[in-house]
Amino acid sequence: MRIGELSAQTGVTRDTIRFYEKVGLVTGVRLPNGYRDFAPETVAWLQYVRTAQRLGFSLAEIARTGEELRKVPDTASALSALFEEKIQVIDVRMGELAALRAELAERVGTGCPLRARPTA
């Protein structure tokens, strides 16, 4: 299928598809007329990519895990393990953000919030 049809079926812009092709997330074959031709299964893959992005996965993570998922027979278990890992990363980041918020809150009204915090 050509890039316009792929874009229409997935809601992913042509520019984004070209970018994904450039970074290796999708592969199209160049036809003699210069058009890109994508396999029908690219539709499902792009839907997976977009969903994974909405769930907080980076394109690098998607590329890596996509390859891993293609190699395992039990995709549901593998996805659950990936989600568990991502939840742990999010929990750590939430803790870091809470500490940052607390430090910023301490500096409110100090006159110079960029000054080093006094040590006790």
PDB file of N, CA and C in Angstrom:
ATOM      1  N   MET A   1       0.852  -1.167   0.000  1.00  0.00           N
ATOM      2  CA  MET A   1       0.000   0.000   0.000  1.00  0.00           C
ATOM      3  C   MET A   1       0.896   1.226   0.000  1.00  0.00           C
ATOM      4  N   ARG A   2       0.442   2.277  -0.633  1.00  0.00           N
ATOM      5  CA  ARG A   2       1.219   3.512  -0.705  1.00  0.00           C
ATOM      6  C   ARG A   2       1.059   4.310   0.577  1.00  0.00           C
ATOM      7  N   ILE A   3       1.956   5.267   0.753  1.00  0.00           N
ATOM      8  CA  ILE A   3       2.035   6.018   2.000  1.00  0.00           C
ATOM      9  C   ILE A   3       0.738   6.776   2.310  1.00  0.00           C
ATOM     10  N   GLY A   4       0.066   7.307   1.293  1.00  0.00           N
ATOM     11  CA  GLY A   4      -1.184   8.025   1.514  1.00  0.00           C
ATOM     12  C   GLY A   4      -2.266   7.127   2.090  1.00  0.00           C
ATOM     13  N   GLU A   5      -2.365   5.920   1.550  1.00  0.00           N
ATOM     14  CA  GLU A   5      -3.351   4.962   2.046  1.00  0.00           C
ATOM     15  C   GLU A   5      -3.005   4.523   3.470  1.00  0.00           C
ATOM     16  N   LEU A   6      -1.715   4.297   3.730  1.00  0.00           N
ATOM     17  CA  LEU A   6      -1.276   3.928   5.075  1.00  0.00           C
ATOM     18  C   LEU A   6      -1.600   5.041   6.067  1.00  0.00           C
ATOM     19  N   SER A   7      -1.363   6.266   5.666  1.00  0.00           N
ATOM     20  CA  SER A   7      -1.668   7.417   6.497  1.00  0.00           C
ATOM     21  C   SER A   7      -3.162   7.499   6.788  1.00  0.00           C
ATOM     22  N   ALA A   8      -3.977   7.300   5.761  1.00  0.00           N
ATOM     23  CA  ALA A   8      -5.432   7.367   5.926  1.00  0.00           C
ATOM     24  C   ALA A   8      -5.940   6.269   6.856  1.00  0.00           C
ATOM     25  N   GLN A   9      -5.383   5.085   6.749  1.00  0.00           N
ATOM     26  CA  GLN A   9      -5.856   3.960   7.568  1.00  0.00           C
ATOM     27  C   GLN A   9      -5.408   4.050   9.022  1.00  0.00           C
ATOM     28  N   THR A  10      -4.291   4.733   9.267  1.00  0.00           N
ATOM     29  CA  THR A  10      -3.744   4.758  10.627  1.00  0.00           C
ATOM     30  C   THR A  10      -3.900   6.094  11.333  1.00  0.00           C
ATOM     31  N   GLY A  11      -4.147   7.157  10.578  1.00  0.00           N
ATOM     32  CA  GLY A  11      -4.203   8.488  11.174  1.00  0.00           C
ATOM     33  C   GLY A  11      -2.822   9.061  11.468  1.00  0.00           C
ATOM     34  N   VAL A  12      -1.778   8.402  10.993  1.00  0.00           N
ATOM     35  CA  VAL A  12      -0.407   8.860  11.153  1.00  0.00           C
ATOM     36  C   VAL A  12      -0.050   9.666   9.903  1.00  0.00           C
ATOM     37  N   THR A  13       0.501  10.850  10.102  1.00  0.00           N
ATOM     38  CA  THR A  13       0.809  11.694   8.946  1.00  0.00           C
ATOM     39  C   THR A  13       1.892  11.066   8.072  1.00  0.00           C
ATOM     40  N   ARG A  14       1.916  11.490   6.823  1.00  0.00           N
ATOM     41  CA  ARG A  14       2.944  11.004   5.901  1.00  0.00           C
ATOM     42  C   ARG A  14       4.333  11.363   6.388  1.00  0.00           C
ATOM     43  N   ASP A  15       4.474  12.577   6.915  1.00  0.00           N
ATOM     44  CA  ASP A  15       5.782  12.988   7.437  1.00  0.00           C
ATOM     45  C   ASP A  15       6.236  12.092   8.581  1.00  0.00           C
ATOM     46  N   THR A  16       5.301  11.733   9.453  1.00  0.00           N
ATOM     47  CA  THR A  16       5.633  10.852  10.576  1.00  0.00           C
ATOM     48  C   THR A  16       6.024   9.475  10.062  1.00  0.00           C
ATOM     49  N   ILE A  17       5.302   8.964   9.091  1.00  0.00           N
ATOM     50  CA  ILE A  17       5.637   7.663   8.507  1.00  0.00           C
ATOM     51  C   ILE A  17       7.024   7.720   7.883  1.00  0.00           C
ATOM     52  N   ARG A  18       7.324   8.797   7.173  1.00  0.00           N
ATOM     53  CA  ARG A  18       8.667   8.950   6.585  1.00  0.00           C
ATOM     54  C   ARG A  18       9.736   8.975   7.678  1.00  0.00           C
ATOM     55  N   PHE A  19       9.439   9.685   8.784  1.00  0.00           N
ATOM     56  CA  PHE A  19      10.375   9.733   9.899  1.00  0.00           C
ATOM     57  C   PHE A  19      10.571   8.333  10.483  1.00  0.00           C
ATOM     58  N   TYR A  20       9.466   7.612  10.708  1.00  0.00           N
ATOM     59  CA  TYR A  20       9.557   6.250  11.247  1.00  0.00           C
ATOM     60  C   TYR A  20      10.383   5.362  10.313  1.00  0.00           C
ATOM     61  N   GLU A  21      10.220   5.575   9.021  1.00  0.00           N
ATOM     62  CA  GLU A  21      11.005   4.809   8.055  1.00  0.00           C
ATOM     63  C   GLU A  21      12.489   5.169   8.176  1.00  0.00           C
ATOM     64  N   LYS A  22      12.772   6.448   8.335  1.00  0.00           N
ATOM     65  CA  LYS A  22      14.156   6.920   8.451  1.00  0.00           C
ATOM     66  C   LYS A  22      14.854   6.328   9.675  1.00  0.00           C
ATOM     67  N   VAL A  23      14.120   6.213  10.795  1.00  0.00           N
ATOM     68  CA  VAL A  23      14.720   5.680  12.022  1.00  0.00           C
ATOM     69  C   VAL A  23      14.577   4.160  12.136  1.00  0.00           C
ATOM     70  N   GLY A  24      13.964   3.529  11.149  1.00  0.00           N
ATOM     71  CA  GLY A  24      13.897   2.071  11.119  1.00  0.00           C
ATOM     72  C   GLY A  24      12.705   1.431  11.778  1.00  0.00           C
ATOM     73  N   LEU A  25      11.690   2.216  12.145  1.00  0.00           N
ATOM     74  CA  LEU A  25      10.495   1.621  12.762  1.00  0.00           C
ATOM     75  C   LEU A  25       9.580   0.953  11.741  1.00  0.00           C
ATOM     76  N   VAL A  26       9.554   1.464  10.534  1.00  0.00           N
ATOM     77  CA  VAL A  26       8.783   0.839   9.459  1.00  0.00           C
ATOM     78  C   VAL A  26       9.685   0.727   8.237  1.00  0.00           C
ATOM     79  N   THR A  27       9.320  -0.191   7.378  1.00  0.00           N
ATOM     80  CA  THR A  27      10.098  -0.399   6.166  1.00  0.00           C
ATOM     81  C   THR A  27       9.169  -0.378   4.969  1.00  0.00           C
ATOM     82  N   GLY A  28       9.524   0.454   4.026  1.00  0.00           N
ATOM     83  CA  GLY A  28       8.792   0.497   2.777  1.00  0.00           C
ATOM     84  C   GLY A  28       9.721   0.134   1.636  1.00  0.00           C
ATOM     85  N   VAL A  29       9.151  -0.397   0.598  1.00  0.00           N
ATOM     86  CA  VAL A  29       9.921  -0.758  -0.582  1.00  0.00           C
ATOM     87  C   VAL A  29       9.707   0.339  -1.617  1.00  0.00           C
ATOM     88  N   ARG A  30      10.776   0.792  -2.218  1.00  0.00           N
ATOM     89  CA  ARG A  30      10.653   1.802  -3.278  1.00  0.00           C
ATOM     90  C   ARG A  30      10.262   1.126  -4.581  1.00  0.00           C
ATOM     91  N   LEU A  31       9.190   1.602  -5.162  1.00  0.00           N
ATOM     92  CA  LEU A  31       8.744   1.102  -6.444  1.00  0.00           C
ATOM     93  C   LEU A  31       9.521   1.810  -7.552  1.00  0.00           C
ATOM     94  N   PRO A  32       9.506   1.278  -8.765  1.00  0.00           N
ATOM     95  CA  PRO A  32      10.238   1.915  -9.861  1.00  0.00           C
ATOM     96  C   PRO A  32       9.835   3.379 -10.098  1.00  0.00           C
ATOM     97  N   ASN A  33       8.593   3.725  -9.769  1.00  0.00           N
ATOM     98  CA  ASN A  33       8.139   5.101  -9.954  1.00  0.00           C
ATOM     99  C   ASN A  33       8.534   6.008  -8.790  1.00  0.00           C
ATOM    100  N   GLY A  34       9.239   5.456  -7.784  1.00  0.00           N
ATOM    101  CA  GLY A  34       9.703   6.246  -6.645  1.00  0.00           C
ATOM    102  C   GLY A  34       8.776   6.232  -5.447  1.00  0.00           C
ATOM    103  N   TYR A  35       7.569   5.731  -5.617  1.00  0.00           N
ATOM    104  CA  TYR A  35       6.643   5.668  -4.495  1.00  0.00           C
ATOM    105  C   TYR A  35       7.090   4.611  -3.482  1.00  0.00           C
ATOM    106  N   ARG A  36       6.704   4.831  -2.236  1.00  0.00           N
ATOM    107  CA  ARG A  36       6.948   3.828  -1.198  1.00  0.00           C
ATOM    108  C   ARG A  36       5.775   2.860  -1.191  1.00  0.00           C
ATOM    109  N   ASP A  37       6.082   1.590  -0.968  1.00  0.00           N
ATOM    110  CA  ASP A  37       5.052   0.567  -0.853  1.00  0.00           C
ATOM    111  C   ASP A  37       5.240  -0.126   0.487  1.00  0.00           C
ATOM    112  N   PHE A  38       4.175  -0.160   1.288  1.00  0.00           N
ATOM    113  CA  PHE A  38       4.237  -0.750   2.621  1.00  0.00           C
ATOM    114  C   PHE A  38       3.359  -1.995   2.673  1.00  0.00           C
ATOM    115  N   ALA A  39       3.828  -2.981   3.432  1.00  0.00           N
ATOM    116  CA  ALA A  39       3.070  -4.219   3.600  1.00  0.00           C
ATOM    117  C   ALA A  39       1.808  -3.938   4.410  1.00  0.00           C
ATOM    118  N   PRO A  40       0.739  -4.691   4.190  1.00  0.00           N
ATOM    119  CA  PRO A  40      -0.514  -4.476   4.925  1.00  0.00           C
ATOM    120  C   PRO A  40      -0.356  -4.555   6.445  1.00  0.00           C
ATOM    121  N   GLU A  41       0.564  -5.392   6.949  1.00  0.00           N
ATOM    122  CA  GLU A  41       0.752  -5.514   8.402  1.00  0.00           C
ATOM    123  C   GLU A  41       1.355  -4.270   9.031  1.00  0.00           C
ATOM    124  N   THR A  42       1.799  -3.323   8.202  1.00  0.00           N
ATOM    125  CA  THR A  42       2.324  -2.060   8.718  1.00  0.00           C
ATOM    126  C   THR A  42       1.227  -1.268   9.430  1.00  0.00           C
ATOM    127  N   VAL A  43      -0.021  -1.454   9.029  1.00  0.00           N
ATOM    128  CA  VAL A  43      -1.144  -0.766   9.676  1.00  0.00           C
ATOM    129  C   VAL A  43      -1.188  -1.147  11.156  1.00  0.00           C
ATOM    130  N   ALA A  44      -1.184  -2.432  11.447  1.00  0.00           N
ATOM    131  CA  ALA A  44      -1.234  -2.897  12.842  1.00  0.00           C
ATOM    132  C   ALA A  44       0.009  -2.446  13.606  1.00  0.00           C
ATOM    133  N   TRP A  45       1.159  -2.495  12.966  1.00  0.00           N
ATOM    134  CA  TRP A  45       2.389  -2.074  13.628  1.00  0.00           C
ATOM    135  C   TRP A  45       2.330  -0.594  13.995  1.00  0.00           C
ATOM    136  N   LEU A  46       1.852   0.257  13.094  1.00  0.00           N
ATOM    137  CA  LEU A  46       1.746   1.686  13.396  1.00  0.00           C
ATOM    138  C   LEU A  46       0.741   1.947  14.510  1.00  0.00           C
ATOM    139  N   GLN A  47      -0.323   1.178  14.557  1.00  0.00           N
ATOM    140  CA  GLN A  47      -1.278   1.309  15.659  1.00  0.00           C
ATOM    141  C   GLN A  47      -0.615   0.930  16.978  1.00  0.00           C
ATOM    142  N   TYR A  48       0.209  -0.109  16.948  1.00  0.00           N
ATOM    143  CA  TYR A  48       0.968  -0.509  18.141  1.00  0.00           C
ATOM    144  C   TYR A  48       1.915   0.614  18.562  1.00  0.00           C
ATOM    145  N   VAL A  49       2.637   1.183  17.607  1.00  0.00           N
ATOM    146  CA  VAL A  49       3.591   2.257  17.890  1.00  0.00           C
ATOM    147  C   VAL A  49       2.879   3.434  18.546  1.00  0.00           C
ATOM    148  N   ARG A  50       1.778   3.854  17.991  1.00  0.00           N
ATOM    149  CA  ARG A  50       1.048   5.007  18.537  1.00  0.00           C
ATOM    150  C   ARG A  50       0.504   4.717  19.939  1.00  0.00           C
ATOM    151  N   THR A  51      -0.010   3.527  20.149  1.00  0.00           N
ATOM    152  CA  THR A  51      -0.510   3.161  21.472  1.00  0.00           C
ATOM    153  C   THR A  51       0.641   3.132  22.476  1.00  0.00           C
ATOM    154  N   ALA A  52       1.754   2.541  22.091  1.00  0.00           N
ATOM    155  CA  ALA A  52       2.912   2.473  22.979  1.00  0.00           C
ATOM    156  C   ALA A  52       3.407   3.875  23.333  1.00  0.00           C
ATOM    157  N   GLN A  53       3.396   4.782  22.373  1.00  0.00           N
ATOM    158  CA  GLN A  53       3.797   6.158  22.658  1.00  0.00           C
ATOM    159  C   GLN A  53       2.849   6.791  23.677  1.00  0.00           C
ATOM    160  N   ARG A  54       1.549   6.580  23.507  1.00  0.00           N
ATOM    161  CA  ARG A  54       0.581   7.131  24.457  1.00  0.00           C
ATOM    162  C   ARG A  54       0.790   6.556  25.863  1.00  0.00           C
ATOM    163  N   LEU A  55       1.320   5.338  25.939  1.00  0.00           N
ATOM    164  CA  LEU A  55       1.575   4.706  27.227  1.00  0.00           C
ATOM    165  C   LEU A  55       2.930   5.110  27.812  1.00  0.00           C
ATOM    166  N   GLY A  56       3.632   6.003  27.130  1.00  0.00           N
ATOM    167  CA  GLY A  56       4.866   6.542  27.675  1.00  0.00           C
ATOM    168  C   GLY A  56       6.146   5.898  27.188  1.00  0.00           C
ATOM    169  N   PHE A  57       6.061   5.021  26.224  1.00  0.00           N
ATOM    170  CA  PHE A  57       7.257   4.388  25.698  1.00  0.00           C
ATOM    171  C   PHE A  57       7.900   5.289  24.641  1.00  0.00           C
ATOM    172  N   SER A  58       9.218   5.368  24.674  1.00  0.00           N
ATOM    173  CA  SER A  58       9.952   6.151  23.672  1.00  0.00           C
ATOM    174  C   SER A  58      10.033   5.354  22.370  1.00  0.00           C
ATOM    175  N   LEU A  59      10.377   6.026  21.289  1.00  0.00           N
ATOM    176  CA  LEU A  59      10.525   5.320  20.013  1.00  0.00           C
ATOM    177  C   LEU A  59      11.634   4.274  20.093  1.00  0.00           C
ATOM    178  N   ALA A  60      12.702   4.571  20.821  1.00  0.00           N
ATOM    179  CA  ALA A  60      13.790   3.600  20.978  1.00  0.00           C
ATOM    180  C   ALA A  60      13.289   2.362  21.720  1.00  0.00           C
ATOM    181  N   GLU A  61      12.497   2.575  22.776  1.00  0.00           N
ATOM    182  CA  GLU A  61      11.934   1.440  23.520  1.00  0.00           C
ATOM    183  C   GLU A  61      10.988   0.638  22.636  1.00  0.00           C
ATOM    184  N   ILE A  62      10.203   1.334  21.842  1.00  0.00           N
ATOM    185  CA  ILE A  62       9.242   0.658  20.961  1.00  0.00           C
ATOM    186  C   ILE A  62       9.978  -0.194  19.943  1.00  0.00           C
ATOM    187  N   ALA A  63      11.029   0.361  19.359  1.00  0.00           N
ATOM    188  CA  ALA A  63      11.803  -0.390  18.369  1.00  0.00           C
ATOM    189  C   ALA A  63      12.414  -1.638  19.000  1.00  0.00           C
ATOM    190  N   ARG A  64      13.008  -1.474  20.178  1.00  0.00           N
ATOM    191  CA  ARG A  64      13.664  -2.598  20.863  1.00  0.00           C
ATOM    192  C   ARG A  64      12.646  -3.648  21.283  1.00  0.00           C
ATOM    193  N   THR A  65      11.575  -3.206  21.938  1.00  0.00           N
ATOM    194  CA  THR A  65      10.591  -4.164  22.437  1.00  0.00           C
ATOM    195  C   THR A  65       9.793  -4.799  21.307  1.00  0.00           C
ATOM    196  N   GLY A  66       9.595  -4.061  20.233  1.00  0.00           N
ATOM    197  CA  GLY A  66       8.886  -4.628  19.085  1.00  0.00           C
ATOM    198  C   GLY A  66       9.619  -5.829  18.525  1.00  0.00           C
ATOM    199  N   GLU A  67      10.933  -5.704  18.423  1.00  0.00           N
ATOM    200  CA  GLU A  67      11.741  -6.831  17.955  1.00  0.00           C
ATOM    201  C   GLU A  67      11.666  -7.994  18.942  1.00  0.00           C
ATOM    202  N   GLU A  68      11.733  -7.676  20.229  1.00  0.00           N
ATOM    203  CA  GLU A  68      11.659  -8.720  21.254  1.00  0.00           C
ATOM    204  C   GLU A  68      10.312  -9.431  21.206  1.00  0.00           C
ATOM    205  N   LEU A  69       9.235  -8.668  21.037  1.00  0.00           N
ATOM    206  CA  LEU A  69       7.899  -9.258  21.043  1.00  0.00           C
ATOM    207  C   LEU A  69       7.672 -10.183  19.850  1.00  0.00           C
ATOM    208  N   ARG A  70       8.311  -9.873  18.751  1.00  0.00           N
ATOM    209  CA  ARG A  70       8.148 -10.727  17.569  1.00  0.00           C
ATOM    210  C   ARG A  70       8.782 -12.102  17.772  1.00  0.00           C
ATOM    211  N   LYS A  71       9.683 -12.214  18.737  1.00  0.00           N
ATOM    212  CA  LYS A  71      10.422 -13.455  18.943  1.00  0.00           C
ATOM    213  C   LYS A  71       9.807 -14.355  20.019  1.00  0.00           C
ATOM    214  N   VAL A  72       8.847 -13.847  20.792  1.00  0.00           N
ATOM    215  CA  VAL A  72       8.297 -14.646  21.889  1.00  0.00           C
ATOM    216  C   VAL A  72       6.931 -15.212  21.517  1.00  0.00           C
ATOM    217  N   PRO A  73       6.667 -16.441  21.953  1.00  0.00           N
ATOM    218  CA  PRO A  73       5.372 -17.039  21.627  1.00  0.00           C
ATOM    219  C   PRO A  73       4.222 -16.461  22.452  1.00  0.00           C
ATOM    220  N   ASP A  74       4.490 -16.059  23.693  1.00  0.00           N
ATOM    221  CA  ASP A  74       3.434 -15.546  24.570  1.00  0.00           C
ATOM    222  C   ASP A  74       3.542 -14.023  24.666  1.00  0.00           C
ATOM    223  N   THR A  75       2.965 -13.345  23.695  1.00  0.00           N
ATOM    224  CA  THR A  75       3.058 -11.894  23.626  1.00  0.00           C
ATOM    225  C   THR A  75       2.393 -11.234  24.822  1.00  0.00           C
ATOM    226  N   ALA A  76       1.286 -11.776  25.302  1.00  0.00           N
ATOM    227  CA  ALA A  76       0.571 -11.166  26.429  1.00  0.00           C
ATOM    228  C   ALA A  76       1.458 -11.133  27.674  1.00  0.00           C
ATOM    229  N   SER A  77       2.140 -12.213  27.970  1.00  0.00           N
ATOM    230  CA  SER A  77       3.037 -12.240  29.128  1.00  0.00           C
ATOM    231  C   SER A  77       4.199 -11.280  28.939  1.00  0.00           C
ATOM    232  N   ALA A  78       4.747 -11.242  27.735  1.00  0.00           N
ATOM    233  CA  ALA A  78       5.869 -10.345  27.457  1.00  0.00           C
ATOM    234  C   ALA A  78       5.435  -8.884  27.596  1.00  0.00           C
ATOM    235  N   LEU A  79       4.253  -8.555  27.100  1.00  0.00           N
ATOM    236  CA  LEU A  79       3.747  -7.183  27.242  1.00  0.00           C
ATOM    237  C   LEU A  79       3.506  -6.839  28.709  1.00  0.00           C
ATOM    238  N   SER A  80       2.953  -7.782  29.452  1.00  0.00           N
ATOM    239  CA  SER A  80       2.720  -7.533  30.873  1.00  0.00           C
ATOM    240  C   SER A  80       4.034  -7.251  31.591  1.00  0.00           C
ATOM    241  N   ALA A  81       5.082  -7.975  31.253  1.00  0.00           N
ATOM    242  CA  ALA A  81       6.393  -7.740  31.860  1.00  0.00           C
ATOM    243  C   ALA A  81       6.911  -6.350  31.488  1.00  0.00           C
ATOM    244  N   LEU A  82       6.724  -5.945  30.239  1.00  0.00           N
ATOM    245  CA  LEU A  82       7.140  -4.601  29.813  1.00  0.00           C
ATOM    246  C   LEU A  82       6.373  -3.528  30.574  1.00  0.00           C
ATOM    247  N   PHE A  83       5.083  -3.750  30.757  1.00  0.00           N
ATOM    248  CA  PHE A  83       4.268  -2.777  31.483  1.00  0.00           C
ATOM    249  C   PHE A  83       4.721  -2.675  32.935  1.00  0.00           C
ATOM    250  N   GLU A  84       5.031  -3.818  33.555  1.00  0.00           N
ATOM    251  CA  GLU A  84       5.525  -3.810  34.935  1.00  0.00           C
ATOM    252  C   GLU A  84       6.819  -3.001  35.035  1.00  0.00           C
ATOM    253  N   GLU A  85       7.727  -3.203  34.077  1.00  0.00           N
ATOM    254  CA  GLU A  85       8.983  -2.450  34.072  1.00  0.00           C
ATOM    255  C   GLU A  85       8.713  -0.956  33.934  1.00  0.00           C
ATOM    256  N   LYS A  86       7.796  -0.602  33.051  1.00  0.00           N
ATOM    257  CA  LYS A  86       7.483   0.812  32.824  1.00  0.00           C
ATOM    258  C   LYS A  86       6.851   1.420  34.079  1.00  0.00           C
ATOM    259  N   ILE A  87       6.011   0.673  34.761  1.00  0.00           N
ATOM    260  CA  ILE A  87       5.397   1.159  36.005  1.00  0.00           C
ATOM    261  C   ILE A  87       6.475   1.446  37.035  1.00  0.00           C
ATOM    262  N   GLN A  88       7.479   0.584  37.140  1.00  0.00           N
ATOM    263  CA  GLN A  88       8.581   0.809  38.082  1.00  0.00           C
ATOM    264  C   GLN A  88       9.348   2.087  37.736  1.00  0.00           C
ATOM    265  N   VAL A  89       9.606   2.296  36.452  1.00  0.00           N
ATOM    266  CA  VAL A  89      10.298   3.517  36.013  1.00  0.00           C
ATOM    267  C   VAL A  89       9.461   4.746  36.367  1.00  0.00           C
ATOM    268  N   ILE A  90       8.166   4.665  36.137  1.00  0.00           N
ATOM    269  CA  ILE A  90       7.262   5.780  36.440  1.00  0.00           C
ATOM    270  C   ILE A  90       7.238   6.046  37.949  1.00  0.00           C
ATOM    271  N   ASP A  91       7.188   4.990  38.751  1.00  0.00           N
ATOM    272  CA  ASP A  91       7.177   5.156  40.207  1.00  0.00           C
ATOM    273  C   ASP A  91       8.445   5.863  40.691  1.00  0.00           C
ATOM    274  N   VAL A  92       9.587   5.476  40.154  1.00  0.00           N
ATOM    275  CA  VAL A  92      10.848   6.135  40.520  1.00  0.00           C
ATOM    276  C   VAL A  92      10.799   7.602  40.119  1.00  0.00           C
ATOM    277  N   ARG A  93      10.350   7.849  38.912  1.00  0.00           N
ATOM    278  CA  ARG A  93      10.282   9.235  38.420  1.00  0.00           C
ATOM    279  C   ARG A  93       9.301  10.064  39.249  1.00  0.00           C
ATOM    280  N   MET A  94       8.185   9.470  39.659  1.00  0.00           N
ATOM    281  CA  MET A  94       7.227  10.184  40.506  1.00  0.00           C
ATOM    282  C   MET A  94       7.859  10.561  41.836  1.00  0.00           C
ATOM    283  N   GLY A  95       8.672   9.669  42.390  1.00  0.00           N
ATOM    284  CA  GLY A  95       9.380   9.978  43.624  1.00  0.00           C
ATOM    285  C   GLY A  95      10.351  11.128  43.432  1.00  0.00           C
ATOM    286  N   GLU A  96      11.075  11.114  42.326  1.00  0.00           N
ATOM    287  CA  GLU A  96      12.009  12.199  42.023  1.00  0.00           C
ATOM    288  C   GLU A  96      11.269  13.520  41.855  1.00  0.00           C
ATOM    289  N   LEU A  97      10.145  13.472  41.165  1.00  0.00           N
ATOM    290  CA  LEU A  97       9.361  14.693  40.954  1.00  0.00           C
ATOM    291  C   LEU A  97       8.773  15.207  42.269  1.00  0.00           C
ATOM    292  N   ALA A  98       8.343  14.314  43.147  1.00  0.00           N
ATOM    293  CA  ALA A  98       7.816  14.733  44.449  1.00  0.00           C
ATOM    294  C   ALA A  98       8.908  15.419  45.266  1.00  0.00           C
ATOM    295  N   ALA A  99      10.127  14.881  45.232  1.00  0.00           N
ATOM    296  CA  ALA A  99      11.245  15.503  45.950  1.00  0.00           C
ATOM    297  C   ALA A  99      11.578  16.865  45.352  1.00  0.00           C
ATOM    298  N   LEU A 100      11.559  16.966  44.040  1.00  0.00           N
ATOM    299  CA  LEU A 100      11.815  18.246  43.372  1.00  0.00           C
ATOM    300  C   LEU A 100      10.741  19.257  43.735  1.00  0.00           C
ATOM    301  N   ARG A 101       9.498  18.819  43.750  1.00  0.00           N
ATOM    302  CA  ARG A 101       8.400  19.715  44.113  1.00  0.00           C
ATOM    303  C   ARG A 101       8.575  20.224  45.542  1.00  0.00           C
ATOM    304  N   ALA A 102       8.923  19.330  46.442  1.00  0.00           N
ATOM    305  CA  ALA A 102       9.111  19.718  47.846  1.00  0.00           C
ATOM    306  C   ALA A 102      10.231  20.747  47.980  1.00  0.00           C
ATOM    307  N   GLU A 103      11.313  20.537  47.252  1.00  0.00           N
ATOM    308  CA  GLU A 103      12.417  21.490  47.313  1.00  0.00           C
ATOM    309  C   GLU A 103      12.013  22.844  46.744  1.00  0.00           C
ATOM    310  N   LEU A 104      11.304  22.842  45.647  1.00  0.00           N
ATOM    311  CA  LEU A 104      10.821  24.103  45.079  1.00  0.00           C
ATOM    312  C   LEU A 104       9.877  24.806  46.050  1.00  0.00           C
ATOM    313  N   ALA A 105       8.990  24.046  46.693  1.00  0.00           N
ATOM    314  CA  ALA A 105       8.051  24.634  47.651  1.00  0.00           C
ATOM    315  C   ALA A 105       8.806  25.276  48.814  1.00  0.00           C
ATOM    316  N   GLU A 106       9.910  24.679  49.250  1.00  0.00           N
ATOM    317  CA  GLU A 106      10.715  25.254  50.326  1.00  0.00           C
ATOM    318  C   GLU A 106      11.322  26.595  49.915  1.00  0.00           C
ATOM    319  N   ARG A 107      11.609  26.751  48.647  1.00  0.00           N
ATOM    320  CA  ARG A 107      12.279  27.959  48.158  1.00  0.00           C
ATOM    321  C   ARG A 107      11.308  29.099  47.850  1.00  0.00           C
ATOM    322  N   VAL A 108      10.037  28.807  47.784  1.00  0.00           N
ATOM    323  CA  VAL A 108       9.051  29.852  47.515  1.00  0.00           C
ATOM    324  C   VAL A 108       9.123  30.895  48.629  1.00  0.00           C
ATOM    325  N   GLY A 109       9.211  32.151  48.224  1.00  0.00           N
ATOM    326  CA  GLY A 109       9.224  33.247  49.186  1.00  0.00           C
ATOM    327  C   GLY A 109      10.576  33.506  49.841  1.00  0.00           C
ATOM    328  N   THR A 110      11.628  32.843  49.390  1.00  0.00           N
ATOM    329  CA  THR A 110      12.946  33.050  50.001  1.00  0.00           C
ATOM    330  C   THR A 110      13.671  34.253  49.424  1.00  0.00           C
ATOM    331  N   GLY A 111      13.152  34.839  48.378  1.00  0.00           N
ATOM    332  CA  GLY A 111      13.793  35.994  47.762  1.00  0.00           C
ATOM    333  C   GLY A 111      14.765  35.610  46.672  1.00  0.00           C
ATOM    334  N   CYS A 112      15.375  34.451  46.767  1.00  0.00           N
ATOM    335  CA  CYS A 112      16.314  33.992  45.734  1.00  0.00           C
ATOM    336  C   CYS A 112      16.213  32.468  45.638  1.00  0.00           C
ATOM    337  N   PRO A 113      15.262  31.997  44.888  1.00  0.00           N
ATOM    338  CA  PRO A 113      15.035  30.562  44.854  1.00  0.00           C
ATOM    339  C   PRO A 113      16.172  29.767  44.203  1.00  0.00           C
ATOM    340  N   LEU A 114      17.130  30.436  43.592  1.00  0.00           N
ATOM    341  CA  LEU A 114      18.223  29.695  42.973  1.00  0.00           C
ATOM    342  C   LEU A 114      19.420  29.547  43.906  1.00  0.00           C
ATOM    343  N   ARG A 115      19.390  30.218  45.043  1.00  0.00           N
ATOM    344  CA  ARG A 115      20.450  30.139  46.034  1.00  0.00           C
ATOM    345  C   ARG A 115      20.501  28.716  46.611  1.00  0.00           C
ATOM    346  N   ALA A 116      21.697  28.289  46.968  1.00  0.00           N
ATOM    347  CA  ALA A 116      21.838  26.959  47.552  1.00  0.00           C
ATOM    348  C   ALA A 116      21.007  26.866  48.816  1.00  0.00           C
ATOM    349  N   ARG A 117      20.399  25.732  49.018  1.00  0.00           N
ATOM    350  CA  ARG A 117      19.567  25.518  50.192  1.00  0.00           C
ATOM    351  C   ARG A 117      20.457  25.404  51.423  1.00  0.00           C
ATOM    352  N   PRO A 118      20.093  26.084  52.507  1.00  0.00           N
ATOM    353  CA  PRO A 118      20.910  26.003  53.722  1.00  0.00           C
ATOM    354  C   PRO A 118      20.923  24.568  54.264  1.00  0.00           C
ATOM    355  N   THR A 119      22.089  24.163  54.734  1.00  0.00           N
ATOM    356  CA  THR A 119      22.193  22.829  55.316  1.00  0.00           C
ATOM    357  C   THR A 119      22.041  22.925  56.823  1.00  0.00           C
ATOM    358  N   ALA A 120      21.449  21.938  57.389  1.00  0.00           N
ATOM    359  CA  ALA A 120      21.176  21.956  58.830  1.00  0.00           C
ATOM    360  C   ALA A 120      22.287  21.323  59.615  1.00  0.00           C
TER     361      ALA A 120
END
